Amino acid sequence: MPMHPQEIEDLLRESFPDAQITVEGNDGVHMAAMVVDESFRGKNRVQQQRAVYAALKGKMDGSTGELHALALTTKVPE
């Protein structure tokens, strides 16, 4: 079952309540997200992205995951 951008944003918002979050995509399977959050400060990009994937609570796990691809950008606020 494809995911809507708002569903992805809601999952991310649970872990990053104060973040600036943008989710784009219209097929529900191949999406793009940008997450800008203070909690990323001092973490390398891999650590930042792992935190975001963890927030998705298994929605990208394996071939049966609801979300097949997520182009992800993570940043620290300027």
C-alpha atoms as a PDB file:
ATOM      1  CA  MET A   1       0.000   0.000   0.000  1.00  0.00           C
ATOM      2  CA  PRO A   2       1.587   3.316  -1.073  1.00  0.00           C
ATOM      3  CA  MET A   3       2.246   6.027   1.474  1.00  0.00           C
ATOM      4  CA  HIS A   4       1.027   9.595   1.179  1.00  0.00           C
ATOM      5  CA  PRO A   5       3.489  12.430   1.845  1.00  0.00           C
ATOM      6  CA  GLN A   6       1.527  13.458   4.948  1.00  0.00           C
ATOM      7  CA  GLU A   7       1.872   9.944   6.438  1.00  0.00           C
ATOM      8  CA  ILE A   8       5.636  10.130   6.038  1.00  0.00           C
ATOM      9  CA  GLU A   9       5.748  13.613   7.524  1.00  0.00           C
ATOM     10  CA  ASP A  10       3.632  12.480  10.482  1.00  0.00           C
ATOM     11  CA  LEU A  11       6.033   9.608  11.228  1.00  0.00           C
ATOM     12  CA  LEU A  12       9.034  11.917  11.005  1.00  0.00           C
ATOM     13  CA  ARG A  13       7.335  14.559  13.147  1.00  0.00           C
ATOM     14  CA  GLU A  14       7.017  12.034  16.013  1.00  0.00           C
ATOM     15  CA  SER A  15      10.815  11.814  16.242  1.00  0.00           C
ATOM     16  CA  PHE A  16      11.614  15.353  15.097  1.00  0.00           C
ATOM     17  CA  PRO A  17       8.801  17.540  16.496  1.00  0.00           C
ATOM     18  CA  ASP A  18      10.576  20.860  15.912  1.00  0.00           C
ATOM     19  CA  ALA A  19      12.083  20.032  12.528  1.00  0.00           C
ATOM     20  CA  GLN A  20      11.430  21.662   9.217  1.00  0.00           C
ATOM     21  CA  ILE A  21      10.158  18.708   7.169  1.00  0.00           C
ATOM     22  CA  THR A  22       9.307  18.624   3.488  1.00  0.00           C
ATOM     23  CA  VAL A  23       8.071  15.446   1.785  1.00  0.00           C
ATOM     24  CA  GLU A  24       7.474  15.280  -1.950  1.00  0.00           C
ATOM     25  CA  GLY A  25       6.392  12.644  -4.416  1.00  0.00           C
ATOM     26  CA  ASN A  26       3.140  11.545  -5.909  1.00  0.00           C
ATOM     27  CA  ASP A  27       3.382   7.814  -6.485  1.00  0.00           C
ATOM     28  CA  GLY A  28       3.549   6.864  -2.786  1.00  0.00           C
ATOM     29  CA  VAL A  29       6.492   4.557  -3.394  1.00  0.00           C
ATOM     30  CA  HIS A  30       9.342   6.781  -4.623  1.00  0.00           C
ATOM     31  CA  MET A  31       9.482   9.860  -2.433  1.00  0.00           C
ATOM     32  CA  ALA A  32      11.874  12.641  -1.403  1.00  0.00           C
ATOM     33  CA  ALA A  33      12.218  14.199   2.036  1.00  0.00           C
ATOM     34  CA  MET A  34      14.211  17.010   3.570  1.00  0.00           C
ATOM     35  CA  VAL A  35      14.571  17.142   7.341  1.00  0.00           C
ATOM     36  CA  VAL A  36      16.247  20.142   8.988  1.00  0.00           C
ATOM     37  CA  ASP A  37      16.668  19.620  12.722  1.00  0.00           C
ATOM     38  CA  GLU A  38      18.913  20.816  15.545  1.00  0.00           C
ATOM     39  CA  SER A  39      19.343  17.232  16.774  1.00  0.00           C
ATOM     40  CA  PHE A  40      21.605  16.600  13.758  1.00  0.00           C
ATOM     41  CA  ARG A  41      24.220  19.049  15.016  1.00  0.00           C
ATOM     42  CA  GLY A  42      27.528  17.250  15.615  1.00  0.00           C
ATOM     43  CA  LYS A  43      26.398  14.109  13.783  1.00  0.00           C
ATOM     44  CA  ASN A  44      27.776  13.022  10.453  1.00  0.00           C
ATOM     45  CA  ARG A  45      25.455  12.534   7.489  1.00  0.00           C
ATOM     46  CA  VAL A  46      25.209   8.756   7.990  1.00  0.00           C
ATOM     47  CA  GLN A  47      24.147   9.223  11.614  1.00  0.00           C
ATOM     48  CA  GLN A  48      21.588  11.829  10.561  1.00  0.00           C
ATOM     49  CA  GLN A  49      20.101   9.591   7.893  1.00  0.00           C
ATOM     50  CA  ARG A  50      19.996   6.575  10.200  1.00  0.00           C
ATOM     51  CA  ALA A  51      17.969   8.643  12.674  1.00  0.00           C
ATOM     52  CA  VAL A  52      15.485   9.528   9.946  1.00  0.00           C
ATOM     53  CA  TYR A  53      15.180   5.934   8.715  1.00  0.00           C
ATOM     54  CA  ALA A  54      14.619   4.781  12.308  1.00  0.00           C
ATOM     55  CA  ALA A  55      11.783   7.311  12.583  1.00  0.00           C
ATOM     56  CA  LEU A  56      10.066   5.614   9.634  1.00  0.00           C
ATOM     57  CA  LYS A  57       9.492   2.568  11.866  1.00  0.00           C
ATOM     58  CA  GLY A  58      10.138  -0.150   9.323  1.00  0.00           C
ATOM     59  CA  LYS A  59       8.157   1.358   6.446  1.00  0.00           C
ATOM     60  CA  MET A  60      11.220   0.896   4.192  1.00  0.00           C
ATOM     61  CA  ASP A  61      12.200  -2.579   5.390  1.00  0.00           C
ATOM     62  CA  GLY A  62      12.890  -5.056   2.623  1.00  0.00           C
ATOM     63  CA  SER A  63      10.868  -5.806  -0.455  1.00  0.00           C
ATOM     64  CA  THR A  64       7.605  -5.728   1.489  1.00  0.00           C
ATOM     65  CA  GLY A  65       8.111  -2.206   2.825  1.00  0.00           C
ATOM     66  CA  GLU A  66       5.419   0.335   2.011  1.00  0.00           C
ATOM     67  CA  LEU A  67       8.016   2.861   0.894  1.00  0.00           C
ATOM     68  CA  HIS A  68      10.435   1.615  -1.744  1.00  0.00           C
ATOM     69  CA  ALA A  69      12.713   4.621  -2.161  1.00  0.00           C
ATOM     70  CA  LEU A  70      13.288   7.839  -0.270  1.00  0.00           C
ATOM     71  CA  ALA A  71      15.695  10.467  -1.557  1.00  0.00           C
ATOM     72  CA  LEU A  72      16.774  11.975   1.735  1.00  0.00           C
ATOM     73  CA  THR A  73      18.387  15.286   2.586  1.00  0.00           C
ATOM     74  CA  THR A  74      19.273  16.090   6.206  1.00  0.00           C
ATOM     75  CA  LYS A  75      20.582  19.404   7.495  1.00  0.00           C
ATOM     76  CA  VAL A  76      21.276  21.360  10.628  1.00  0.00           C
ATOM     77  CA  PRO A  77      19.430  24.701  10.853  1.00  0.00           C
ATOM     78  CA  GLU A  78      21.531  27.691   9.846  1.00  0.00           C
END
